[in-house]
Amino acid sequence: MLNRNWRVEAGGEVFALKELVETGAEAARRSLAVMAAAGEAGVPVVSVVPGVGGESVTEVGGHFYYLARWVEGDHRRGPR
């Protein structure tokens, strides 16, 4: 998913706030559901923090966002 990212510290925890830029909200919801299922199956994935109503993607002012736990490390670029 291509998006804008911010590192947010709140309540003693660190999160990644991601604004969806080139991915539609429905596609993001499907991808995040697959990630959650993979995590439940034991695959190490980033956990998404649900919104107040339990949603994975939230709309604010016509923009779509999701919040995930921050994971330290480097972002790998390009094909591997």
C-alpha atoms as a PDB file:
ATOM      1  CA  MET A   1       0.000   0.000   0.000  1.00  0.00           C
ATOM      2  CA  LEU A   2       1.366   3.382  -0.935  1.00  0.00           C
ATOM      3  CA  ASN A   3       0.596   6.012   1.655  1.00  0.00           C
ATOM      4  CA  ARG A   4       1.915   8.836   3.793  1.00  0.00           C
ATOM      5  CA  ASN A   5       3.207   7.841   7.221  1.00  0.00           C
ATOM      6  CA  TRP A   6       3.689   9.547  10.550  1.00  0.00           C
ATOM      7  CA  ARG A   7       5.291   8.209  13.705  1.00  0.00           C
ATOM      8  CA  VAL A   8       2.952   8.983  16.627  1.00  0.00           C
ATOM      9  CA  GLU A   9       3.708   8.567  20.328  1.00  0.00           C
ATOM     10  CA  ALA A  10       0.668   8.389  22.626  1.00  0.00           C
ATOM     11  CA  GLY A  11      -0.055   6.775  25.969  1.00  0.00           C
ATOM     12  CA  GLY A  12       3.472   5.425  26.241  1.00  0.00           C
ATOM     13  CA  GLU A  13       3.171   3.553  22.941  1.00  0.00           C
ATOM     14  CA  VAL A  14       4.431   4.240  19.430  1.00  0.00           C
ATOM     15  CA  PHE A  15       2.222   3.946  16.348  1.00  0.00           C
ATOM     16  CA  ALA A  16       2.406   4.446  12.599  1.00  0.00           C
ATOM     17  CA  LEU A  17      -0.451   6.597  11.289  1.00  0.00           C
ATOM     18  CA  LYS A  18      -0.894   5.932   7.592  1.00  0.00           C
ATOM     19  CA  GLU A  19      -2.880   8.027   5.125  1.00  0.00           C
ATOM     20  CA  LEU A  20      -3.986   6.035   2.112  1.00  0.00           C
ATOM     21  CA  VAL A  21      -2.962   7.938  -0.999  1.00  0.00           C
ATOM     22  CA  GLU A  22      -3.005   5.524  -3.926  1.00  0.00           C
ATOM     23  CA  THR A  23      -4.980   2.686  -2.374  1.00  0.00           C
ATOM     24  CA  GLY A  24      -8.749   2.874  -2.052  1.00  0.00           C
ATOM     25  CA  ALA A  25     -10.377   2.322   1.323  1.00  0.00           C
ATOM     26  CA  GLU A  26     -12.028  -0.975   0.313  1.00  0.00           C
ATOM     27  CA  ALA A  27      -8.797  -2.403  -1.090  1.00  0.00           C
ATOM     28  CA  ALA A  28      -7.007  -1.346   2.092  1.00  0.00           C
ATOM     29  CA  ARG A  29      -9.672  -2.990   4.250  1.00  0.00           C
ATOM     30  CA  ARG A  30      -9.257  -6.252   2.325  1.00  0.00           C
ATOM     31  CA  SER A  31      -5.460  -6.121   2.625  1.00  0.00           C
ATOM     32  CA  LEU A  32      -5.622  -5.327   6.336  1.00  0.00           C
ATOM     33  CA  ALA A  33      -8.057  -8.239   6.868  1.00  0.00           C
ATOM     34  CA  VAL A  34      -5.596 -10.575   5.122  1.00  0.00           C
ATOM     35  CA  MET A  35      -2.780  -9.249   7.318  1.00  0.00           C
ATOM     36  CA  ALA A  36      -4.881  -9.845  10.450  1.00  0.00           C
ATOM     37  CA  ALA A  37      -5.667 -13.413   9.353  1.00  0.00           C
ATOM     38  CA  ALA A  38      -1.994 -14.038   8.626  1.00  0.00           C
ATOM     39  CA  GLY A  39      -1.088 -12.731  12.086  1.00  0.00           C
ATOM     40  CA  GLU A  40      -3.653 -15.034  13.691  1.00  0.00           C
ATOM     41  CA  ALA A  41      -2.040 -17.925  11.786  1.00  0.00           C
ATOM     42  CA  GLY A  42       1.354 -17.068  13.270  1.00  0.00           C
ATOM     43  CA  VAL A  43       2.862 -15.031  10.444  1.00  0.00           C
ATOM     44  CA  PRO A  44       4.751 -12.018  11.826  1.00  0.00           C
ATOM     45  CA  VAL A  45       2.831  -8.987  10.535  1.00  0.00           C
ATOM     46  CA  VAL A  46       2.199  -5.468  11.772  1.00  0.00           C
ATOM     47  CA  SER A  47      -0.923  -5.290  13.924  1.00  0.00           C
ATOM     48  CA  VAL A  48      -3.519  -2.695  12.997  1.00  0.00           C
ATOM     49  CA  VAL A  49      -5.163  -0.747  15.826  1.00  0.00           C
ATOM     50  CA  PRO A  50      -8.927  -0.655  15.242  1.00  0.00           C
ATOM     51  CA  GLY A  51     -10.886   2.599  15.480  1.00  0.00           C
ATOM     52  CA  VAL A  52     -13.470   3.287  18.175  1.00  0.00           C
ATOM     53  CA  GLY A  53     -16.131   1.428  16.178  1.00  0.00           C
ATOM     54  CA  GLY A  54     -13.815  -1.474  15.353  1.00  0.00           C
ATOM     55  CA  GLU A  55     -13.059  -0.329  11.805  1.00  0.00           C
ATOM     56  CA  SER A  56      -9.594  -0.831  10.307  1.00  0.00           C
ATOM     57  CA  VAL A  57      -9.782   2.219   8.010  1.00  0.00           C
ATOM     58  CA  THR A  58     -11.180   5.565   9.145  1.00  0.00           C
ATOM     59  CA  GLU A  59     -12.297   8.505   6.996  1.00  0.00           C
ATOM     60  CA  VAL A  60     -11.520  12.026   8.198  1.00  0.00           C
ATOM     61  CA  GLY A  61     -12.222  15.035   5.987  1.00  0.00           C
ATOM     62  CA  GLY A  62     -12.410  12.950   2.825  1.00  0.00           C
ATOM     63  CA  HIS A  63      -9.070  11.231   3.526  1.00  0.00           C
ATOM     64  CA  PHE A  64      -8.638   7.626   4.655  1.00  0.00           C
ATOM     65  CA  TYR A  65      -6.275   6.492   7.424  1.00  0.00           C
ATOM     66  CA  TYR A  66      -5.315   3.486   9.465  1.00  0.00           C
ATOM     67  CA  LEU A  67      -3.243   3.126  12.610  1.00  0.00           C
ATOM     68  CA  ALA A  68      -0.736   0.339  13.232  1.00  0.00           C
ATOM     69  CA  ARG A  69       1.747  -0.556  15.945  1.00  0.00           C
ATOM     70  CA  TRP A  70       5.182   0.863  15.205  1.00  0.00           C
ATOM     71  CA  VAL A  71       7.844  -1.684  14.268  1.00  0.00           C
ATOM     72  CA  GLU A  72      11.494  -0.676  14.356  1.00  0.00           C
ATOM     73  CA  GLY A  73      13.519  -1.584  11.300  1.00  0.00           C
ATOM     74  CA  ASP A  74      14.329  -0.670   7.743  1.00  0.00           C
ATOM     75  CA  HIS A  75      11.900  -0.547   4.842  1.00  0.00           C
ATOM     76  CA  ARG A  76      13.077  -2.849   2.073  1.00  0.00           C
ATOM     77  CA  ARG A  77      12.743  -1.333  -1.385  1.00  0.00           C
ATOM     78  CA  GLY A  78      12.512  -2.978  -4.763  1.00  0.00           C
ATOM     79  CA  PRO A  79      12.243  -6.622  -5.744  1.00  0.00           C
ATOM     80  CA  ARG A  80      13.951  -9.176  -3.511  1.00  0.00           C
END
